[in-house]
Amino acid sequence: MPVPPPQYGGVERIVAGLLADLRRRGHEVGLVAHPDSSAAADFFAAWPSAPPNSTAAHARNMRALLTAVSRFRPTIVHSFSRLLYLAPLLPRRIAKIMSYQRFAGGRQISLAALVGGSSLMFTGCSKFIATMGGKYGGVWRAIPNFVDTDFYKFKSSVPDDAPLVFLSRLEPEKGAHWAIEIAKQTGRRLVIAGNYAAEGPQRQYWECMIKPELGNNGIEYVGAVGDEAKRQLLGAAAAMVVPIQWDEPFGIVFAEALACGTPVITCPRGATPEIIRDGIEGFLIRDVSEGCRAVQRLGTIDRRLCRERAEQAFSVAAVVPQYQALYEELLQRT
């Protein structure tokens, strides 16, 4: 997707934020990304195949990155794309970082670490992901994702009848069906925002589990939302309820909710315990019953502590220096 993305696109949003802040700090930064990208950069090259949907397309993108490096001559190549695209650069002494925003693992990491040696380091968007990838070799660091805490305005309080909000893809692993059941059992309004699949099992989930509930018991669907609508939804919510049913690599929307001061109710899967401290910024639940009890305990959560958590752990100011420190460490290694 373009950098920055028009709506959803967590990786692209992180790349856009990192690019902007590094340039603000005085660095020259080049970008290789989707041809429709609008982020300001000191050098830009478009992927010739976006999305890459064949072996030939991957080969074209690999060559495009190699050409971009030859033209821009960076000190460091930092990839949020595919490890494959770094392959021609791995034997070279140029410093390289491969960042993973999703599950990491496989023989390709072991091979890359062997060929890249001291010139290659890896990052995971959470300790959960860095630990997963680190089992296959290489030097790994956990650096969390970040959100624009200037954009997401803090709301110190909301009305007693403020709704719960579900904001994510409407697929089984995101747990919208749990959110609906929690809202029904606690008598709370629920606003659902997100896109749903056009076909396959995910479409069936929407048709059978979600769509029949809409318009009843205070359950409302507002569709996919852009940044401004998302900010308004999160800021006006009593809590964001996204009870994930899979091991979440990070979950940027959780940090976005905290930036608004909005508590989060989710499940302790993947990286969520690294973001939400149970009983402080929200609640980590294991079933619908615990979710109902969490809603009843929302009054014990201090919204200001939610905001402070976002500022201290998941803001641009908190995270970009971690990447800068990693760049300096890698340059000393090469």
C-alpha atoms as a PDB file:
ATOM      1  CA  MET A   1       0.000   0.000   0.000  1.00  0.00           C
ATOM      2  CA  PRO A   2       1.088   3.623  -0.412  1.00  0.00           C
ATOM      3  CA  VAL A   3       3.177   5.380   2.241  1.00  0.00           C
ATOM      4  CA  PRO A   4       1.320   6.771   4.103  1.00  0.00           C
ATOM      5  CA  PRO A   5      -1.767   4.594   3.547  1.00  0.00           C
ATOM      6  CA  PRO A   6      -5.125   6.236   2.766  1.00  0.00           C
ATOM      7  CA  GLN A   7      -6.917   4.217   5.467  1.00  0.00           C
ATOM      8  CA  TYR A   8      -5.591   0.978   6.927  1.00  0.00           C
ATOM      9  CA  GLY A   9      -1.975  -0.065   6.629  1.00  0.00           C
ATOM     10  CA  GLY A  10      -0.046  -0.409   9.854  1.00  0.00           C
ATOM     11  CA  VAL A  11       3.386  -1.094   8.343  1.00  0.00           C
ATOM     12  CA  GLU A  12       3.060   1.772   5.860  1.00  0.00           C
ATOM     13  CA  ARG A  13       2.000   4.136   8.628  1.00  0.00           C
ATOM     14  CA  ILE A  14       5.061   3.190  10.698  1.00  0.00           C
ATOM     15  CA  VAL A  15       7.350   3.719   7.699  1.00  0.00           C
ATOM     16  CA  ALA A  16       5.794   7.127   7.039  1.00  0.00           C
ATOM     17  CA  GLY A  17       6.232   8.219  10.640  1.00  0.00           C
ATOM     18  CA  LEU A  18       9.805   6.948  10.871  1.00  0.00           C
ATOM     19  CA  LEU A  19      10.714   8.630   7.577  1.00  0.00           C
ATOM     20  CA  ALA A  20       9.258  11.992   8.640  1.00  0.00           C
ATOM     21  CA  ASP A  21      10.894  12.031  12.073  1.00  0.00           C
ATOM     22  CA  LEU A  22      14.313  10.924  10.859  1.00  0.00           C
ATOM     23  CA  ARG A  23      14.253  13.730   8.293  1.00  0.00           C
ATOM     24  CA  ARG A  24      13.132  16.163  10.988  1.00  0.00           C
ATOM     25  CA  ARG A  25      16.202  15.075  12.977  1.00  0.00           C
ATOM     26  CA  GLY A  26      18.438  16.042  10.048  1.00  0.00           C
ATOM     27  CA  HIS A  27      18.975  12.699   8.302  1.00  0.00           C
ATOM     28  CA  GLU A  28      18.671  12.193   4.547  1.00  0.00           C
ATOM     29  CA  VAL A  29      16.238   9.355   3.948  1.00  0.00           C
ATOM     30  CA  GLY A  30      15.282   7.585   0.737  1.00  0.00           C
ATOM     31  CA  LEU A  31      12.078   5.599   0.264  1.00  0.00           C
ATOM     32  CA  VAL A  32      11.312   2.600  -1.929  1.00  0.00           C
ATOM     33  CA  ALA A  33       7.581   2.022  -1.819  1.00  0.00           C
ATOM     34  CA  HIS A  34       4.284   1.782  -3.687  1.00  0.00           C
ATOM     35  CA  PRO A  35       4.202   4.184  -6.675  1.00  0.00           C
ATOM     36  CA  ASP A  36       1.244   6.099  -5.204  1.00  0.00           C
ATOM     37  CA  SER A  37       3.180   6.983  -2.051  1.00  0.00           C
ATOM     38  CA  SER A  38       3.071  10.667  -1.106  1.00  0.00           C
ATOM     39  CA  ALA A  39       5.498  10.820   1.830  1.00  0.00           C
ATOM     40  CA  ALA A  40       8.226  13.428   1.433  1.00  0.00           C
ATOM     41  CA  ALA A  41      11.684  11.860   1.024  1.00  0.00           C
ATOM     42  CA  ASP A  42      15.146  12.856  -0.148  1.00  0.00           C
ATOM     43  CA  PHE A  43      15.006  10.096  -2.757  1.00  0.00           C
ATOM     44  CA  PHE A  44      12.118   7.996  -4.015  1.00  0.00           C
ATOM     45  CA  ALA A  45      11.878   4.846  -6.097  1.00  0.00           C
ATOM     46  CA  ALA A  46       8.678   2.914  -6.780  1.00  0.00           C
ATOM     47  CA  TRP A  47       8.312  -0.825  -6.578  1.00  0.00           C
ATOM     48  CA  PRO A  48       7.750  -1.921 -10.193  1.00  0.00           C
ATOM     49  CA  SER A  49       5.418  -4.683  -9.014  1.00  0.00           C
ATOM     50  CA  ALA A  50       2.961  -3.569  -6.331  1.00  0.00           C
ATOM     51  CA  PRO A  51       1.578  -5.881  -5.195  1.00  0.00           C
ATOM     52  CA  PRO A  52       4.105  -8.580  -6.123  1.00  0.00           C
ATOM     53  CA  ASN A  53       2.068 -11.565  -7.286  1.00  0.00           C
ATOM     54  CA  SER A  54       4.599 -13.824  -8.987  1.00  0.00           C
ATOM     55  CA  THR A  55       8.212 -14.964  -8.866  1.00  0.00           C
ATOM     56  CA  ALA A  56       8.984 -12.585 -11.726  1.00  0.00           C
ATOM     57  CA  ALA A  57       7.416  -9.711  -9.791  1.00  0.00           C
ATOM     58  CA  HIS A  58       9.557 -10.446  -6.750  1.00  0.00           C
ATOM     59  CA  ALA A  59      12.629 -10.510  -8.986  1.00  0.00           C
ATOM     60  CA  ARG A  60      11.723  -7.083 -10.414  1.00  0.00           C
ATOM     61  CA  ASN A  61      11.328  -5.633  -6.930  1.00  0.00           C
ATOM     62  CA  MET A  62      14.637  -7.152  -5.845  1.00  0.00           C
ATOM     63  CA  ARG A  63      16.376  -5.461  -8.757  1.00  0.00           C
ATOM     64  CA  ALA A  64      14.556  -2.194  -8.032  1.00  0.00           C
ATOM     65  CA  LEU A  65      15.893  -2.090  -4.476  1.00  0.00           C
ATOM     66  CA  LEU A  66      19.414  -2.886  -5.644  1.00  0.00           C
ATOM     67  CA  THR A  67      19.213  -0.084  -8.218  1.00  0.00           C
ATOM     68  CA  ALA A  68      17.843   2.350  -5.625  1.00  0.00           C
ATOM     69  CA  VAL A  69      20.710   1.572  -3.251  1.00  0.00           C
ATOM     70  CA  SER A  70      23.228   2.091  -6.056  1.00  0.00           C
ATOM     71  CA  ARG A  71      21.706   5.481  -6.909  1.00  0.00           C
ATOM     72  CA  PHE A  72      21.033   6.855  -3.412  1.00  0.00           C
ATOM     73  CA  ARG A  73      24.098   5.269  -1.756  1.00  0.00           C
ATOM     74  CA  PRO A  74      22.686   5.101   1.789  1.00  0.00           C
ATOM     75  CA  THR A  75      24.694   4.327   4.899  1.00  0.00           C
ATOM     76  CA  ILE A  76      21.972   1.948   6.105  1.00  0.00           C
ATOM     77  CA  VAL A  77      19.272  -0.009   4.300  1.00  0.00           C
ATOM     78  CA  HIS A  78      16.257  -0.527   6.561  1.00  0.00           C
ATOM     79  CA  SER A  79      13.650  -2.878   5.133  1.00  0.00           C
ATOM     80  CA  PHE A  80      10.061  -3.299   6.264  1.00  0.00           C
ATOM     81  CA  SER A  81       9.374  -5.291   3.099  1.00  0.00           C
ATOM     82  CA  ARG A  82      10.572  -8.811   2.233  1.00  0.00           C
ATOM     83  CA  LEU A  83      13.813 -10.377   3.362  1.00  0.00           C
ATOM     84  CA  LEU A  84      14.146 -11.781  -0.171  1.00  0.00           C
ATOM     85  CA  TYR A  85      14.639  -8.281  -1.567  1.00  0.00           C
ATOM     86  CA  LEU A  86      17.771  -7.832   0.568  1.00  0.00           C
ATOM     87  CA  ALA A  87      19.378 -10.963  -0.877  1.00  0.00           C
ATOM     88  CA  PRO A  88      21.711  -9.202  -3.374  1.00  0.00           C
ATOM     89  CA  LEU A  89      22.855  -6.849  -0.595  1.00  0.00           C
ATOM     90  CA  LEU A  90      23.506  -9.469   2.080  1.00  0.00           C
ATOM     91  CA  PRO A  91      27.173 -10.213   1.149  1.00  0.00           C
ATOM     92  CA  ARG A  92      27.977  -6.497   0.986  1.00  0.00           C
ATOM     93  CA  ARG A  93      29.343  -4.588   3.966  1.00  0.00           C
ATOM     94  CA  ILE A  94      26.581  -1.981   3.832  1.00  0.00           C
ATOM     95  CA  ALA A  95      24.578  -1.976   7.084  1.00  0.00           C
ATOM     96  CA  LYS A  96      21.169  -3.642   6.814  1.00  0.00           C
ATOM     97  CA  ILE A  97      18.156  -3.959   9.119  1.00  0.00           C
ATOM     98  CA  MET A  98      15.212  -6.246   8.463  1.00  0.00           C
ATOM     99  CA  SER A  99      12.105  -5.342  10.477  1.00  0.00           C
ATOM    100  CA  TYR A 100       9.274  -7.783  11.056  1.00  0.00           C
ATOM    101  CA  GLN A 101       5.718  -6.625  11.757  1.00  0.00           C
ATOM    102  CA  ARG A 102       4.240 -10.117  11.505  1.00  0.00           C
ATOM    103  CA  PHE A 103       5.228 -13.654  12.449  1.00  0.00           C
ATOM    104  CA  ALA A 104       8.934 -14.295  11.912  1.00  0.00           C
ATOM    105  CA  GLY A 105      10.769 -17.542  11.364  1.00  0.00           C
ATOM    106  CA  GLY A 106      12.091 -19.995   8.827  1.00  0.00           C
ATOM    107  CA  ARG A 107      15.265 -21.148   7.179  1.00  0.00           C
ATOM    108  CA  GLN A 108      15.519 -17.909   5.193  1.00  0.00           C
ATOM    109  CA  ILE A 109      16.361 -16.031   8.398  1.00  0.00           C
ATOM    110  CA  SER A 110      19.111 -18.507   9.267  1.00  0.00           C
ATOM    111  CA  LEU A 111      20.606 -18.189   5.776  1.00  0.00           C
ATOM    112  CA  ALA A 112      20.356 -14.389   5.770  1.00  0.00           C
ATOM    113  CA  ALA A 113      22.017 -14.166   9.175  1.00  0.00           C
ATOM    114  CA  LEU A 114      24.847 -16.416   7.955  1.00  0.00           C
ATOM    115  CA  VAL A 115      25.460 -14.475   4.740  1.00  0.00           C
ATOM    116  CA  GLY A 116      24.846 -11.017   6.201  1.00  0.00           C
ATOM    117  CA  GLY A 117      27.010 -11.587   9.262  1.00  0.00           C
ATOM    118  CA  SER A 118      27.730  -8.486  11.315  1.00  0.00           C
ATOM    119  CA  SER A 119      26.227  -6.186   8.661  1.00  0.00           C
ATOM    120  CA  LEU A 120      22.673  -7.460   9.278  1.00  0.00           C
ATOM    121  CA  MET A 121      20.368  -7.032  12.263  1.00  0.00           C
ATOM    122  CA  PHE A 122      16.698  -7.818  12.765  1.00  0.00           C
ATOM    123  CA  THR A 123      13.916  -6.109  14.655  1.00  0.00           C
ATOM    124  CA  GLY A 124      10.515  -7.328  15.776  1.00  0.00           C
ATOM    125  CA  CYS A 125       7.609  -4.995  16.527  1.00  0.00           C
ATOM    126  CA  SER A 126       7.303  -6.669  19.936  1.00  0.00           C
ATOM    127  CA  LYS A 127       9.275  -8.928  22.239  1.00  0.00           C
ATOM    128  CA  PHE A 128       6.866 -11.649  21.157  1.00  0.00           C
ATOM    129  CA  ILE A 129       7.948 -11.330  17.506  1.00  0.00           C
ATOM    130  CA  ALA A 130      11.655 -10.772  18.261  1.00  0.00           C
ATOM    131  CA  THR A 131      11.728 -13.919  20.398  1.00  0.00           C
ATOM    132  CA  MET A 132       9.967 -15.872  17.673  1.00  0.00           C
ATOM    133  CA  GLY A 133      12.427 -14.777  14.988  1.00  0.00           C
ATOM    134  CA  GLY A 134      15.490 -14.992  17.198  1.00  0.00           C
ATOM    135  CA  LYS A 135      15.131 -18.767  17.416  1.00  0.00           C
ATOM    136  CA  TYR A 136      16.328 -18.938  13.805  1.00  0.00           C
ATOM    137  CA  GLY A 137      19.504 -16.939  14.289  1.00  0.00           C
ATOM    138  CA  GLY A 138      20.793 -13.420  13.855  1.00  0.00           C
ATOM    139  CA  VAL A 139      20.878 -10.455  16.201  1.00  0.00           C
ATOM    140  CA  TRP A 140      17.384  -9.260  17.134  1.00  0.00           C
ATOM    141  CA  ARG A 141      15.969  -6.235  18.931  1.00  0.00           C
ATOM    142  CA  ALA A 142      12.376  -5.573  19.965  1.00  0.00           C
ATOM    143  CA  ILE A 143      11.276  -2.059  18.992  1.00  0.00           C
ATOM    144  CA  PRO A 144       7.566  -1.359  19.378  1.00  0.00           C
ATOM    145  CA  ASN A 145       5.333   0.317  16.870  1.00  0.00           C
ATOM    146  CA  PHE A 146       4.332   3.912  17.497  1.00  0.00           C
ATOM    147  CA  VAL A 147       1.415   6.271  16.964  1.00  0.00           C
ATOM    148  CA  ASP A 148       1.120   9.997  16.433  1.00  0.00           C
ATOM    149  CA  THR A 149       0.216  11.154  19.921  1.00  0.00           C
ATOM    150  CA  ASP A 150      -0.188  14.722  18.628  1.00  0.00           C
ATOM    151  CA  PHE A 151      -2.948  13.558  16.277  1.00  0.00           C
ATOM    152  CA  TYR A 152      -4.782  11.361  18.806  1.00  0.00           C
ATOM    153  CA  LYS A 153      -6.086  13.884  21.312  1.00  0.00           C
ATOM    154  CA  PHE A 154      -6.514  12.954  24.952  1.00  0.00           C
ATOM    155  CA  LYS A 155     -10.072  12.814  26.319  1.00  0.00           C
ATOM    156  CA  SER A 156      -9.981  12.939  30.107  1.00  0.00           C
ATOM    157  CA  SER A 157     -13.586  11.787  30.491  1.00  0.00           C
ATOM    158  CA  VAL A 158     -16.578  10.498  28.539  1.00  0.00           C
ATOM    159  CA  PRO A 159     -20.295  10.411  29.440  1.00  0.00           C
ATOM    160  CA  ASP A 160     -21.625   7.539  31.522  1.00  0.00           C
ATOM    161  CA  ASP A 161     -23.497   6.216  28.480  1.00  0.00           C
ATOM    162  CA  ALA A 162     -20.472   6.367  26.179  1.00  0.00           C
ATOM    163  CA  PRO A 163     -20.383   3.348  23.848  1.00  0.00           C
ATOM    164  CA  LEU A 164     -17.913   0.548  23.625  1.00  0.00           C
ATOM    165  CA  VAL A 165     -16.016   0.484  20.311  1.00  0.00           C
ATOM    166  CA  PHE A 166     -14.732  -2.408  18.229  1.00  0.00           C
ATOM    167  CA  LEU A 167     -12.219  -1.183  15.650  1.00  0.00           C
ATOM    168  CA  SER A 168     -10.470  -3.797  13.530  1.00  0.00           C
ATOM    169  CA  ARG A 169     -10.962  -6.164  10.600  1.00  0.00           C
ATOM    170  CA  LEU A 170     -14.183  -8.117  10.888  1.00  0.00           C
ATOM    171  CA  GLU A 171     -12.600 -11.539  10.848  1.00  0.00           C
ATOM    172  CA  PRO A 172     -12.826 -14.329  13.442  1.00  0.00           C
ATOM    173  CA  GLU A 173      -9.349 -13.775  14.877  1.00  0.00           C
ATOM    174  CA  LYS A 174     -10.194 -10.200  15.868  1.00  0.00           C
ATOM    175  CA  GLY A 175     -13.092 -11.297  18.070  1.00  0.00           C
ATOM    176  CA  ALA A 176     -15.963  -9.028  17.039  1.00  0.00           C
ATOM    177  CA  HIS A 177     -18.417 -11.791  18.022  1.00  0.00           C
ATOM    178  CA  TRP A 178     -17.074 -11.692  21.581  1.00  0.00           C
ATOM    179  CA  ALA A 179     -17.357  -7.897  21.619  1.00  0.00           C
ATOM    180  CA  ILE A 180     -21.001  -8.163  20.562  1.00  0.00           C
ATOM    181  CA  GLU A 181     -21.778 -10.714  23.245  1.00  0.00           C
ATOM    182  CA  ILE A 182     -20.028  -8.654  25.922  1.00  0.00           C
ATOM    183  CA  ALA A 183     -22.002  -5.552  24.927  1.00  0.00           C
ATOM    184  CA  LYS A 184     -25.299  -7.446  24.924  1.00  0.00           C
ATOM    185  CA  GLN A 185     -24.726  -9.026  28.317  1.00  0.00           C
ATOM    186  CA  THR A 186     -23.691  -5.729  29.922  1.00  0.00           C
ATOM    187  CA  GLY A 187     -26.391  -3.651  28.243  1.00  0.00           C
ATOM    188  CA  ARG A 188     -23.874  -1.314  26.602  1.00  0.00           C
ATOM    189  CA  ARG A 189     -23.982   0.225  23.164  1.00  0.00           C
ATOM    190  CA  LEU A 190     -21.338  -1.049  20.770  1.00  0.00           C
ATOM    191  CA  VAL A 191     -20.029   0.757  17.695  1.00  0.00           C
ATOM    192  CA  ILE A 192     -18.304  -1.569  15.219  1.00  0.00           C
ATOM    193  CA  ALA A 193     -15.866  -0.112  12.677  1.00  0.00           C
ATOM    194  CA  GLY A 194     -13.784  -2.030  10.167  1.00  0.00           C
ATOM    195  CA  ASN A 195     -13.843  -3.728   6.819  1.00  0.00           C
ATOM    196  CA  TYR A 196     -15.097  -7.225   6.060  1.00  0.00           C
ATOM    197  CA  ALA A 197     -14.100  -9.766   3.433  1.00  0.00           C
ATOM    198  CA  ALA A 198     -15.800 -10.019   0.069  1.00  0.00           C
ATOM    199  CA  GLU A 199     -15.589 -13.811  -0.102  1.00  0.00           C
ATOM    200  CA  GLY A 200     -14.449 -16.989   1.603  1.00  0.00           C
ATOM    201  CA  PRO A 201     -14.780 -18.070   5.240  1.00  0.00           C
ATOM    202  CA  GLN A 202     -14.225 -14.505   6.458  1.00  0.00           C
ATOM    203  CA  ARG A 203     -17.223 -13.340   4.423  1.00  0.00           C
ATOM    204  CA  GLN A 204     -19.287 -16.146   5.909  1.00  0.00           C
ATOM    205  CA  TYR A 205     -18.230 -14.980   9.373  1.00  0.00           C
ATOM    206  CA  TRP A 206     -19.576 -11.508   8.572  1.00  0.00           C
ATOM    207  CA  GLU A 207     -22.838 -12.850   7.142  1.00  0.00           C
ATOM    208  CA  CYS A 208     -23.552 -15.342   9.937  1.00  0.00           C
ATOM    209  CA  MET A 209     -21.962 -13.909  13.093  1.00  0.00           C
ATOM    210  CA  ILE A 210     -21.928 -10.146  12.702  1.00  0.00           C
ATOM    211  CA  LYS A 211     -24.497  -8.849  10.204  1.00  0.00           C
ATOM    212  CA  PRO A 212     -27.574 -10.374  11.950  1.00  0.00           C
ATOM    213  CA  GLU A 213     -26.660  -8.533  15.164  1.00  0.00           C
ATOM    214  CA  LEU A 214     -26.528  -5.080  13.618  1.00  0.00           C
ATOM    215  CA  GLY A 215     -29.319  -2.673  14.453  1.00  0.00           C
ATOM    216  CA  ASN A 216     -30.332  -4.660  17.535  1.00  0.00           C
ATOM    217  CA  ASN A 217     -29.466  -4.201  21.227  1.00  0.00           C
ATOM    218  CA  GLY A 218     -27.517  -1.008  20.517  1.00  0.00           C
ATOM    219  CA  ILE A 219     -25.103  -2.724  18.098  1.00  0.00           C
ATOM    220  CA  GLU A 220     -24.168  -0.296  15.284  1.00  0.00           C
ATOM    221  CA  TYR A 221     -21.881  -0.737  12.274  1.00  0.00           C
ATOM    222  CA  VAL A 222     -20.239   2.352  10.751  1.00  0.00           C
ATOM    223  CA  GLY A 223     -18.042   0.678   8.122  1.00  0.00           C
ATOM    224  CA  ALA A 224     -14.368   1.216   7.452  1.00  0.00           C
ATOM    225  CA  VAL A 225     -13.127   4.542   8.815  1.00  0.00           C
ATOM    226  CA  GLY A 226     -10.335   6.959   7.982  1.00  0.00           C
ATOM    227  CA  ASP A 227      -8.011   8.639  10.448  1.00  0.00           C
ATOM    228  CA  GLU A 228     -10.299  11.492  11.503  1.00  0.00           C
ATOM    229  CA  ALA A 229     -13.315   9.246  12.067  1.00  0.00           C
ATOM    230  CA  LYS A 230     -11.117   6.778  13.947  1.00  0.00           C
ATOM    231  CA  ARG A 231      -9.859   9.520  16.230  1.00  0.00           C
ATOM    232  CA  GLN A 232     -13.412  10.627  16.966  1.00  0.00           C
ATOM    233  CA  LEU A 233     -14.616   7.069  17.633  1.00  0.00           C
ATOM    234  CA  LEU A 234     -11.776   6.153  19.960  1.00  0.00           C
ATOM    235  CA  GLY A 235     -11.863   9.416  21.871  1.00  0.00           C
ATOM    236  CA  ALA A 236     -15.606   9.120  22.535  1.00  0.00           C
ATOM    237  CA  ALA A 237     -15.511   5.478  23.672  1.00  0.00           C
ATOM    238  CA  ALA A 238     -15.810   4.150  27.188  1.00  0.00           C
ATOM    239  CA  ALA A 239     -13.426   1.398  26.075  1.00  0.00           C
ATOM    240  CA  MET A 240     -12.143  -0.249  22.947  1.00  0.00           C
ATOM    241  CA  VAL A 241     -13.122  -3.916  23.003  1.00  0.00           C
ATOM    242  CA  VAL A 242     -11.125  -6.064  20.564  1.00  0.00           C
ATOM    243  CA  PRO A 243     -10.928  -9.531  22.169  1.00  0.00           C
ATOM    244  CA  ILE A 244      -8.418 -11.078  19.772  1.00  0.00           C
ATOM    245  CA  GLN A 245      -8.505 -14.813  19.118  1.00  0.00           C
ATOM    246  CA  TRP A 246      -4.955 -15.097  17.745  1.00  0.00           C
ATOM    247  CA  ASP A 247      -1.400 -14.164  18.713  1.00  0.00           C
ATOM    248  CA  GLU A 248      -1.303 -10.473  17.776  1.00  0.00           C
ATOM    249  CA  PRO A 249       2.156  -9.342  16.558  1.00  0.00           C
ATOM    250  CA  PHE A 250       1.500  -5.859  17.966  1.00  0.00           C
ATOM    251  CA  GLY A 251      -1.833  -4.160  17.249  1.00  0.00           C
ATOM    252  CA  ILE A 252      -1.347  -0.457  16.528  1.00  0.00           C
ATOM    253  CA  VAL A 253      -5.006   0.286  17.213  1.00  0.00           C
ATOM    254  CA  PHE A 254      -4.447  -0.592  20.878  1.00  0.00           C
ATOM    255  CA  ALA A 255      -1.822   2.140  21.178  1.00  0.00           C
ATOM    256  CA  GLU A 256      -4.071   4.550  19.266  1.00  0.00           C
ATOM    257  CA  ALA A 257      -6.850   3.964  21.789  1.00  0.00           C
ATOM    258  CA  LEU A 258      -4.478   4.561  24.711  1.00  0.00           C
ATOM    259  CA  ALA A 259      -3.333   7.829  23.119  1.00  0.00           C
ATOM    260  CA  CYS A 260      -6.954   9.012  23.351  1.00  0.00           C
ATOM    261  CA  GLY A 261      -7.071   7.958  26.986  1.00  0.00           C
ATOM    262  CA  THR A 262      -9.389   5.091  26.129  1.00  0.00           C
ATOM    263  CA  PRO A 263      -8.966   1.810  28.046  1.00  0.00           C
ATOM    264  CA  VAL A 264      -8.595  -1.418  26.075  1.00  0.00           C
ATOM    265  CA  ILE A 265     -10.263  -4.765  26.699  1.00  0.00           C
ATOM    266  CA  THR A 266      -8.562  -7.583  24.824  1.00  0.00           C
ATOM    267  CA  CYS A 267      -7.105 -11.059  25.330  1.00  0.00           C
ATOM    268  CA  PRO A 268      -3.565 -11.872  26.520  1.00  0.00           C
ATOM    269  CA  ARG A 269      -2.386 -13.197  23.150  1.00  0.00           C
ATOM    270  CA  GLY A 270       0.867 -12.385  21.388  1.00  0.00           C
ATOM    271  CA  ALA A 271       2.097  -8.867  22.143  1.00  0.00           C
ATOM    272  CA  THR A 272      -0.980  -7.504  23.910  1.00  0.00           C
ATOM    273  CA  PRO A 273       0.466  -7.964  27.441  1.00  0.00           C
ATOM    274  CA  GLU A 274       3.370  -5.750  26.305  1.00  0.00           C
ATOM    275  CA  ILE A 275       0.919  -2.947  25.476  1.00  0.00           C
ATOM    276  CA  ILE A 276      -1.901  -3.284  28.014  1.00  0.00           C
ATOM    277  CA  ARG A 277      -1.084  -3.783  31.664  1.00  0.00           C
ATOM    278  CA  ASP A 278      -4.021  -5.608  33.192  1.00  0.00           C
ATOM    279  CA  GLY A 279      -5.983  -3.370  35.528  1.00  0.00           C
ATOM    280  CA  ILE A 280      -3.997  -0.227  34.604  1.00  0.00           C
ATOM    281  CA  GLU A 281      -4.682   0.616  30.947  1.00  0.00           C
ATOM    282  CA  GLY A 282      -7.500  -1.860  30.554  1.00  0.00           C
ATOM    283  CA  PHE A 283      -8.144  -5.546  31.058  1.00  0.00           C
ATOM    284  CA  LEU A 284      -6.820  -8.801  29.613  1.00  0.00           C
ATOM    285  CA  ILE A 285      -9.666 -11.308  29.433  1.00  0.00           C
ATOM    286  CA  ARG A 286      -9.918 -15.012  28.660  1.00  0.00           C
ATOM    287  CA  ASP A 287     -13.633 -15.392  27.966  1.00  0.00           C
ATOM    288  CA  VAL A 288     -16.854 -13.430  27.568  1.00  0.00           C
ATOM    289  CA  SER A 289     -17.626 -13.606  31.297  1.00  0.00           C
ATOM    290  CA  GLU A 290     -14.316 -11.933  32.130  1.00  0.00           C
ATOM    291  CA  GLY A 291     -15.071  -9.396  29.418  1.00  0.00           C
ATOM    292  CA  CYS A 292     -18.371  -8.522  31.088  1.00  0.00           C
ATOM    293  CA  ARG A 293     -16.647  -8.081  34.436  1.00  0.00           C
ATOM    294  CA  ALA A 294     -14.042  -5.877  32.764  1.00  0.00           C
ATOM    295  CA  VAL A 295     -16.746  -3.572  31.378  1.00  0.00           C
ATOM    296  CA  GLN A 296     -18.239  -3.279  34.855  1.00  0.00           C
ATOM    297  CA  ARG A 297     -14.811  -2.290  36.224  1.00  0.00           C
ATOM    298  CA  LEU A 298     -14.042   0.429  33.673  1.00  0.00           C
ATOM    299  CA  GLY A 299     -14.597   3.063  36.338  1.00  0.00           C
ATOM    300  CA  THR A 300     -11.402   1.893  38.045  1.00  0.00           C
ATOM    301  CA  ILE A 301      -9.251   2.817  35.059  1.00  0.00           C
ATOM    302  CA  ASP A 302      -7.611   6.255  35.034  1.00  0.00           C
ATOM    303  CA  ARG A 303      -7.768   7.554  31.460  1.00  0.00           C
ATOM    304  CA  ARG A 304      -4.770   9.795  32.132  1.00  0.00           C
ATOM    305  CA  LEU A 305      -2.621   6.720  32.820  1.00  0.00           C
ATOM    306  CA  CYS A 306      -3.698   5.329  29.443  1.00  0.00           C
ATOM    307  CA  ARG A 307      -2.489   8.483  27.738  1.00  0.00           C
ATOM    308  CA  GLU A 308       0.768   8.465  29.694  1.00  0.00           C
ATOM    309  CA  ARG A 309       1.399   4.880  28.636  1.00  0.00           C
ATOM    310  CA  ALA A 310       1.040   5.861  24.984  1.00  0.00           C
ATOM    311  CA  GLU A 311       3.335   8.866  25.354  1.00  0.00           C
ATOM    312  CA  GLN A 312       6.033   7.028  27.296  1.00  0.00           C
ATOM    313  CA  ALA A 313       6.114   3.755  25.357  1.00  0.00           C
ATOM    314  CA  PHE A 314       4.424   4.149  21.946  1.00  0.00           C
ATOM    315  CA  SER A 315       4.942   7.724  20.753  1.00  0.00           C
ATOM    316  CA  VAL A 316       7.225   8.886  17.950  1.00  0.00           C
ATOM    317  CA  ALA A 317       9.410  10.606  20.544  1.00  0.00           C
ATOM    318  CA  ALA A 318       9.774   7.372  22.508  1.00  0.00           C
ATOM    319  CA  VAL A 319      10.363   4.951  19.624  1.00  0.00           C
ATOM    320  CA  VAL A 320      12.345   6.702  16.877  1.00  0.00           C
ATOM    321  CA  PRO A 321      15.372   7.197  19.185  1.00  0.00           C
ATOM    322  CA  GLN A 322      15.400   3.424  19.646  1.00  0.00           C
ATOM    323  CA  TYR A 323      15.850   3.030  15.888  1.00  0.00           C
ATOM    324  CA  GLN A 324      18.559   5.696  15.886  1.00  0.00           C
ATOM    325  CA  ALA A 325      20.412   3.864  18.649  1.00  0.00           C
ATOM    326  CA  LEU A 326      20.120   0.648  16.650  1.00  0.00           C
ATOM    327  CA  TYR A 327      21.535   2.351  13.554  1.00  0.00           C
ATOM    328  CA  GLU A 328      24.527   3.558  15.574  1.00  0.00           C
ATOM    329  CA  GLU A 329      25.065   0.105  17.055  1.00  0.00           C
ATOM    330  CA  LEU A 330      24.939  -1.527  13.637  1.00  0.00           C
ATOM    331  CA  LEU A 331      27.363   0.968  12.104  1.00  0.00           C
ATOM    332  CA  GLN A 332      29.854   0.163  14.861  1.00  0.00           C
ATOM    333  CA  ARG A 333      29.529  -3.527  13.979  1.00  0.00           C
ATOM    334  CA  THR A 334      30.182  -3.103  10.240  1.00  0.00           C
END
